[in-house]
Amino acid sequence: MTSSTPADMINLRLILVSGKTKEFLFSPNDSAADIAKHVYDTWPLDGEEEQVSSPNILRLIYQGRFLHGNVTLGALKLPLGRTTVMHLVARENLPEPNSQGQRNREKTGESNCCVIL
């Protein structure tokens, strides 16, 4: 895509695990599930590591977090008329919410208590 992204759209640059990239224009009202379906229908993924049998296993990762299918680009407050980069991976299930954070807390001994003096 060129720098002429329409002011009311989001240019989404998707990066596959293989390093391939492709850009798509989406509305702020489009959800992660809508994006996965569009990508599945329009971007022929080649190679064993990229082939998927259904758009339901394509997952978007934004700022290190998996997006649930109902999250819209507008809810993420992505800038209109600009390019945003996300990763696209094939994964059957999403990790449990906060499971990564819980593991990190266990490793560091961190807890969620406070002291009021």
N, C-alpha and C. Protein backbone atom coordinates (compact mmCIF):
# COMPACT_ATOMS: atom_id res chain seq x y z
N MET A 1 0.84 -1.18 0.00
CA MET A 1 0.00 0.00 0.00
C MET A 1 0.88 1.25 0.00
N THR A 2 0.31 2.29 -0.47
CA THR A 2 1.04 3.55 -0.46
C THR A 2 0.64 4.33 0.77
N SER A 3 1.18 5.52 0.91
CA SER A 3 0.86 6.34 2.06
C SER A 3 -0.52 6.98 1.93
N SER A 4 -1.26 6.61 0.89
CA SER A 4 -2.58 7.21 0.67
C SER A 4 -3.69 6.36 1.29
N THR A 5 -3.53 5.98 2.54
CA THR A 5 -4.57 5.25 3.25
C THR A 5 -5.73 6.20 3.50
N PRO A 6 -6.96 5.79 3.14
CA PRO A 6 -8.11 6.67 3.39
C PRO A 6 -8.20 7.05 4.87
N ALA A 7 -8.62 8.28 5.14
CA ALA A 7 -8.64 8.82 6.50
C ALA A 7 -9.58 8.07 7.43
N ASP A 8 -10.55 7.33 6.87
CA ASP A 8 -11.51 6.62 7.72
C ASP A 8 -11.22 5.12 7.80
N MET A 9 -10.05 4.70 7.30
CA MET A 9 -9.69 3.28 7.27
C MET A 9 -8.39 3.04 8.03
N ILE A 10 -8.13 1.77 8.31
CA ILE A 10 -6.88 1.37 8.96
C ILE A 10 -6.15 0.44 8.01
N ASN A 11 -4.91 0.77 7.70
CA ASN A 11 -4.07 -0.09 6.88
C ASN A 11 -3.40 -1.08 7.83
N LEU A 12 -3.74 -2.35 7.68
CA LEU A 12 -3.22 -3.38 8.58
C LEU A 12 -2.16 -4.19 7.85
N ARG A 13 -0.92 -4.14 8.37
CA ARG A 13 0.17 -4.94 7.82
C ARG A 13 0.28 -6.19 8.67
N LEU A 14 0.02 -7.33 8.04
CA LEU A 14 0.04 -8.61 8.75
C LEU A 14 1.35 -9.33 8.45
N ILE A 15 1.97 -9.87 9.49
CA ILE A 15 3.23 -10.59 9.36
C ILE A 15 2.99 -12.04 9.76
N LEU A 16 3.36 -12.96 8.87
CA LEU A 16 3.26 -14.39 9.17
C LEU A 16 4.52 -14.85 9.89
N VAL A 17 4.45 -16.01 10.50
CA VAL A 17 5.60 -16.60 11.18
C VAL A 17 6.78 -16.74 10.21
N SER A 18 6.47 -17.03 8.95
CA SER A 18 7.52 -17.20 7.93
C SER A 18 8.20 -15.89 7.57
N GLY A 19 7.62 -14.77 7.99
CA GLY A 19 8.18 -13.47 7.66
C GLY A 19 7.48 -12.77 6.51
N LYS A 20 6.60 -13.48 5.80
CA LYS A 20 5.85 -12.85 4.72
C LYS A 20 4.92 -11.80 5.29
N THR A 21 4.73 -10.72 4.53
CA THR A 21 3.82 -9.67 4.96
C THR A 21 2.85 -9.32 3.85
N LYS A 22 1.72 -8.80 4.24
CA LYS A 22 0.74 -8.30 3.28
C LYS A 22 -0.09 -7.24 4.00
N GLU A 23 -0.51 -6.24 3.23
CA GLU A 23 -1.29 -5.15 3.80
C GLU A 23 -2.72 -5.19 3.30
N PHE A 24 -3.64 -4.86 4.20
CA PHE A 24 -5.08 -4.83 3.91
C PHE A 24 -5.67 -3.56 4.51
N LEU A 25 -6.73 -3.06 3.88
CA LEU A 25 -7.48 -1.93 4.43
C LEU A 25 -8.71 -2.46 5.15
N PHE A 26 -8.93 -1.98 6.38
CA PHE A 26 -10.09 -2.38 7.16
C PHE A 26 -10.75 -1.17 7.79
N SER A 27 -12.01 -1.33 8.10
CA SER A 27 -12.79 -0.32 8.81
C SER A 27 -12.55 -0.49 10.31
N PRO A 28 -12.70 0.58 11.10
CA PRO A 28 -12.58 0.44 12.56
C PRO A 28 -13.65 -0.50 13.13
N ASN A 29 -14.73 -0.73 12.39
CA ASN A 29 -15.79 -1.62 12.86
C ASN A 29 -15.50 -3.09 12.59
N ASP A 30 -14.45 -3.40 11.84
CA ASP A 30 -14.10 -4.79 11.55
C ASP A 30 -13.52 -5.45 12.79
N SER A 31 -13.93 -6.70 13.03
CA SER A 31 -13.44 -7.44 14.19
C SER A 31 -12.27 -8.34 13.78
N ALA A 32 -11.60 -8.88 14.78
CA ALA A 32 -10.50 -9.82 14.51
C ALA A 32 -11.01 -11.02 13.72
N ALA A 33 -12.23 -11.48 14.00
CA ALA A 33 -12.81 -12.61 13.25
C ALA A 33 -13.07 -12.21 11.80
N ASP A 34 -13.56 -10.98 11.58
CA ASP A 34 -13.79 -10.48 10.21
C ASP A 34 -12.47 -10.45 9.43
N ILE A 35 -11.42 -9.99 10.09
CA ILE A 35 -10.11 -9.88 9.46
C ILE A 35 -9.59 -11.27 9.10
N ALA A 36 -9.69 -12.22 10.03
CA ALA A 36 -9.23 -13.59 9.78
C ALA A 36 -9.97 -14.19 8.59
N LYS A 37 -11.26 -13.98 8.51
CA LYS A 37 -12.07 -14.51 7.40
C LYS A 37 -11.63 -13.88 6.08
N HIS A 38 -11.45 -12.55 6.07
CA HIS A 38 -11.02 -11.85 4.85
C HIS A 38 -9.65 -12.35 4.40
N VAL A 39 -8.72 -12.48 5.33
CA VAL A 39 -7.38 -12.95 4.99
C VAL A 39 -7.44 -14.38 4.45
N TYR A 40 -8.22 -15.22 5.09
CA TYR A 40 -8.36 -16.62 4.66
C TYR A 40 -8.90 -16.68 3.23
N ASP A 41 -9.87 -15.81 2.92
CA ASP A 41 -10.51 -15.81 1.60
C ASP A 41 -9.66 -15.18 0.50
N THR A 42 -8.76 -14.25 0.86
CA THR A 42 -8.07 -13.47 -0.18
C THR A 42 -6.56 -13.65 -0.25
N TRP A 43 -5.95 -14.21 0.76
CA TRP A 43 -4.49 -14.33 0.77
C TRP A 43 -4.13 -15.80 0.78
N PRO A 44 -3.79 -16.37 -0.39
CA PRO A 44 -3.45 -17.80 -0.41
C PRO A 44 -2.17 -18.06 0.38
N LEU A 45 -2.31 -18.73 1.51
CA LEU A 45 -1.16 -19.03 2.35
C LEU A 45 -0.52 -20.32 1.85
N ASP A 46 0.76 -20.26 1.53
CA ASP A 46 1.47 -21.42 1.00
C ASP A 46 2.37 -22.01 2.08
N GLY A 47 2.85 -23.20 1.80
CA GLY A 47 3.80 -23.83 2.71
C GLY A 47 3.11 -24.55 3.84
N GLU A 48 3.74 -25.59 4.33
CA GLU A 48 3.15 -26.40 5.39
C GLU A 48 2.86 -25.60 6.64
N GLU A 49 3.78 -24.71 7.03
CA GLU A 49 3.61 -23.99 8.28
C GLU A 49 2.51 -22.94 8.19
N GLU A 50 2.07 -22.61 6.98
CA GLU A 50 1.08 -21.56 6.82
C GLU A 50 -0.30 -22.06 6.42
N GLN A 51 -0.41 -23.29 5.96
CA GLN A 51 -1.70 -23.79 5.49
C GLN A 51 -2.64 -23.97 6.67
N VAL A 52 -3.86 -23.48 6.49
CA VAL A 52 -4.89 -23.64 7.52
C VAL A 52 -6.16 -24.15 6.86
N SER A 53 -6.93 -24.90 7.61
CA SER A 53 -8.15 -25.49 7.07
C SER A 53 -9.38 -24.62 7.27
N SER A 54 -9.26 -23.59 8.10
CA SER A 54 -10.41 -22.76 8.43
C SER A 54 -9.93 -21.39 8.91
N PRO A 55 -10.72 -20.34 8.63
CA PRO A 55 -10.34 -19.01 9.14
C PRO A 55 -10.44 -18.94 10.67
N ASN A 56 -11.14 -19.90 11.27
CA ASN A 56 -11.33 -19.88 12.72
C ASN A 56 -10.06 -20.15 13.50
N ILE A 57 -9.00 -20.64 12.83
CA ILE A 57 -7.76 -20.87 13.56
C ILE A 57 -6.70 -19.81 13.28
N LEU A 58 -7.06 -18.81 12.47
CA LEU A 58 -6.15 -17.69 12.26
C LEU A 58 -6.32 -16.71 13.42
N ARG A 59 -5.23 -16.38 14.06
CA ARG A 59 -5.27 -15.50 15.23
C ARG A 59 -4.38 -14.28 15.00
N LEU A 60 -4.88 -13.14 15.42
CA LEU A 60 -4.10 -11.91 15.35
C LEU A 60 -3.42 -11.65 16.68
N ILE A 61 -2.20 -11.17 16.61
CA ILE A 61 -1.46 -10.78 17.81
C ILE A 61 -1.12 -9.30 17.66
N TYR A 62 -1.53 -8.51 18.64
CA TYR A 62 -1.26 -7.08 18.63
C TYR A 62 -0.62 -6.71 19.97
N GLN A 63 0.53 -6.08 19.90
CA GLN A 63 1.30 -5.68 21.08
C GLN A 63 1.48 -6.85 22.05
N GLY A 64 1.79 -8.03 21.49
CA GLY A 64 2.10 -9.19 22.30
C GLY A 64 0.91 -9.94 22.86
N ARG A 65 -0.31 -9.55 22.46
CA ARG A 65 -1.51 -10.20 23.00
C ARG A 65 -2.36 -10.74 21.87
N PHE A 66 -2.90 -11.94 22.10
CA PHE A 66 -3.84 -12.52 21.15
C PHE A 66 -5.14 -11.75 21.23
N LEU A 67 -5.72 -11.46 20.05
CA LEU A 67 -7.01 -10.76 20.01
C LEU A 67 -8.13 -11.78 19.92
N HIS A 68 -9.15 -11.60 20.71
CA HIS A 68 -10.34 -12.43 20.61
C HIS A 68 -11.13 -12.00 19.38
N GLY A 69 -11.89 -12.91 18.81
CA GLY A 69 -12.59 -12.68 17.55
C GLY A 69 -13.53 -11.50 17.53
N ASN A 70 -14.11 -11.13 18.67
CA ASN A 70 -15.09 -10.06 18.69
C ASN A 70 -14.49 -8.67 18.89
N VAL A 71 -13.18 -8.58 19.10
CA VAL A 71 -12.54 -7.28 19.31
C VAL A 71 -12.45 -6.54 17.98
N THR A 72 -12.93 -5.30 17.96
CA THR A 72 -12.86 -4.50 16.73
C THR A 72 -11.58 -3.65 16.74
N LEU A 73 -11.19 -3.23 15.54
CA LEU A 73 -10.00 -2.38 15.43
C LEU A 73 -10.25 -1.05 16.13
N GLY A 74 -11.50 -0.57 16.07
CA GLY A 74 -11.84 0.68 16.75
C GLY A 74 -11.69 0.58 18.26
N ALA A 75 -12.04 -0.58 18.82
CA ALA A 75 -11.92 -0.79 20.27
C ALA A 75 -10.45 -0.75 20.70
N LEU A 76 -9.56 -1.09 19.79
CA LEU A 76 -8.12 -1.04 20.09
C LEU A 76 -7.56 0.37 19.96
N LYS A 77 -8.42 1.30 19.52
CA LYS A 77 -8.03 2.70 19.32
C LYS A 77 -6.86 2.84 18.35
N LEU A 78 -6.92 2.05 17.27
CA LEU A 78 -5.88 2.14 16.24
C LEU A 78 -6.06 3.43 15.46
N PRO A 79 -4.98 4.07 15.07
CA PRO A 79 -5.08 5.35 14.36
C PRO A 79 -5.65 5.17 12.95
N LEU A 80 -6.63 5.98 12.63
CA LEU A 80 -7.22 5.96 11.28
C LEU A 80 -6.25 6.60 10.30
N GLY A 81 -6.27 6.10 9.05
CA GLY A 81 -5.42 6.65 8.01
C GLY A 81 -3.95 6.28 8.15
N ARG A 82 -3.64 5.37 9.04
CA ARG A 82 -2.25 4.98 9.29
C ARG A 82 -2.09 3.48 9.18
N THR A 83 -0.85 3.01 9.20
CA THR A 83 -0.56 1.58 9.13
C THR A 83 -0.29 1.05 10.54
N THR A 84 -0.92 -0.06 10.85
CA THR A 84 -0.69 -0.77 12.11
C THR A 84 -0.19 -2.16 11.76
N VAL A 85 0.79 -2.65 12.51
CA VAL A 85 1.38 -3.97 12.25
C VAL A 85 0.85 -4.96 13.28
N MET A 86 0.44 -6.13 12.80
CA MET A 86 0.03 -7.23 13.67
C MET A 86 0.64 -8.52 13.13
N HIS A 87 0.76 -9.50 13.99
CA HIS A 87 1.20 -10.83 13.58
C HIS A 87 -0.03 -11.69 13.35
N LEU A 88 0.08 -12.62 12.42
CA LEU A 88 -0.99 -13.55 12.11
C LEU A 88 -0.44 -14.96 12.26
N VAL A 89 -1.05 -15.75 13.13
CA VAL A 89 -0.60 -17.11 13.37
C VAL A 89 -1.78 -18.08 13.30
N ALA A 90 -1.45 -19.34 13.03
CA ALA A 90 -2.48 -20.39 13.06
C ALA A 90 -2.41 -21.04 14.42
N ARG A 91 -3.52 -20.99 15.14
CA ARG A 91 -3.56 -21.56 16.49
C ARG A 91 -5.00 -21.97 16.79
N GLU A 92 -5.17 -23.21 17.22
CA GLU A 92 -6.52 -23.74 17.48
C GLU A 92 -7.24 -22.95 18.56
N ASN A 93 -6.58 -22.75 19.70
CA ASN A 93 -7.22 -22.10 20.84
C ASN A 93 -6.39 -20.92 21.30
N LEU A 94 -7.08 -19.95 21.87
CA LEU A 94 -6.38 -18.83 22.48
C LEU A 94 -5.91 -19.24 23.87
N PRO A 95 -4.78 -18.68 24.32
CA PRO A 95 -4.36 -18.97 25.69
C PRO A 95 -5.38 -18.40 26.67
N GLU A 96 -5.43 -18.95 27.87
CA GLU A 96 -6.33 -18.44 28.89
C GLU A 96 -5.96 -17.00 29.23
N PRO A 97 -6.95 -16.13 29.45
CA PRO A 97 -6.63 -14.75 29.82
C PRO A 97 -5.78 -14.72 31.09
N ASN A 98 -4.78 -13.87 31.09
CA ASN A 98 -3.89 -13.67 32.22
C ASN A 98 -3.04 -14.88 32.57
N SER A 99 -3.07 -15.95 31.77
CA SER A 99 -2.27 -17.12 32.12
C SER A 99 -0.78 -16.78 32.04
N GLN A 100 -0.40 -15.98 31.06
CA GLN A 100 1.01 -15.59 30.95
C GLN A 100 1.41 -14.72 32.12
N GLY A 101 0.56 -13.77 32.49
CA GLY A 101 0.85 -12.90 33.62
C GLY A 101 0.95 -13.69 34.91
N GLN A 102 0.09 -14.69 35.09
CA GLN A 102 0.13 -15.51 36.29
C GLN A 102 1.43 -16.29 36.37
N ARG A 103 1.86 -16.85 35.24
CA ARG A 103 3.13 -17.59 35.22
C ARG A 103 4.28 -16.66 35.58
N ASN A 104 4.27 -15.45 35.03
CA ASN A 104 5.35 -14.51 35.32
C ASN A 104 5.38 -14.15 36.80
N ARG A 105 4.21 -13.96 37.41
CA ARG A 105 4.15 -13.64 38.83
C ARG A 105 4.70 -14.79 39.67
N GLU A 106 4.38 -16.03 39.25
CA GLU A 106 4.88 -17.18 39.99
C GLU A 106 6.39 -17.26 39.92
N LYS A 107 6.96 -16.94 38.76
CA LYS A 107 8.42 -17.00 38.60
C LYS A 107 9.12 -15.93 39.43
N THR A 108 8.52 -14.75 39.49
CA THR A 108 9.19 -13.63 40.18
C THR A 108 8.82 -13.54 41.64
N GLY A 109 7.82 -14.31 42.07
CA GLY A 109 7.38 -14.24 43.45
C GLY A 109 6.53 -13.01 43.72
N GLU A 110 6.14 -12.34 42.68
CA GLU A 110 5.32 -11.15 42.79
C GLU A 110 3.93 -11.50 43.30
N SER A 111 3.32 -10.63 44.08
CA SER A 111 1.97 -10.89 44.55
C SER A 111 1.12 -9.65 44.33
N ASN A 112 -0.17 -9.79 44.54
CA ASN A 112 -1.10 -8.69 44.31
C ASN A 112 -1.66 -8.15 45.62
N CYS A 113 -0.83 -8.00 46.63
CA CYS A 113 -1.34 -7.45 47.88
C CYS A 113 -0.76 -6.06 48.09
N CYS A 114 -1.37 -5.33 48.96
CA CYS A 114 -0.85 -4.00 49.24
C CYS A 114 -0.81 -3.80 50.74
N VAL A 115 -0.03 -2.84 51.19
CA VAL A 115 0.09 -2.52 52.61
C VAL A 115 -0.34 -1.08 52.79
N ILE A 116 -1.26 -0.87 53.72
CA ILE A 116 -1.71 0.50 54.01
C ILE A 116 -1.18 0.87 55.38
N LEU A 117 -0.39 1.93 55.43
CA LEU A 117 0.20 2.35 56.71
C LEU A 117 -0.53 3.53 57.28
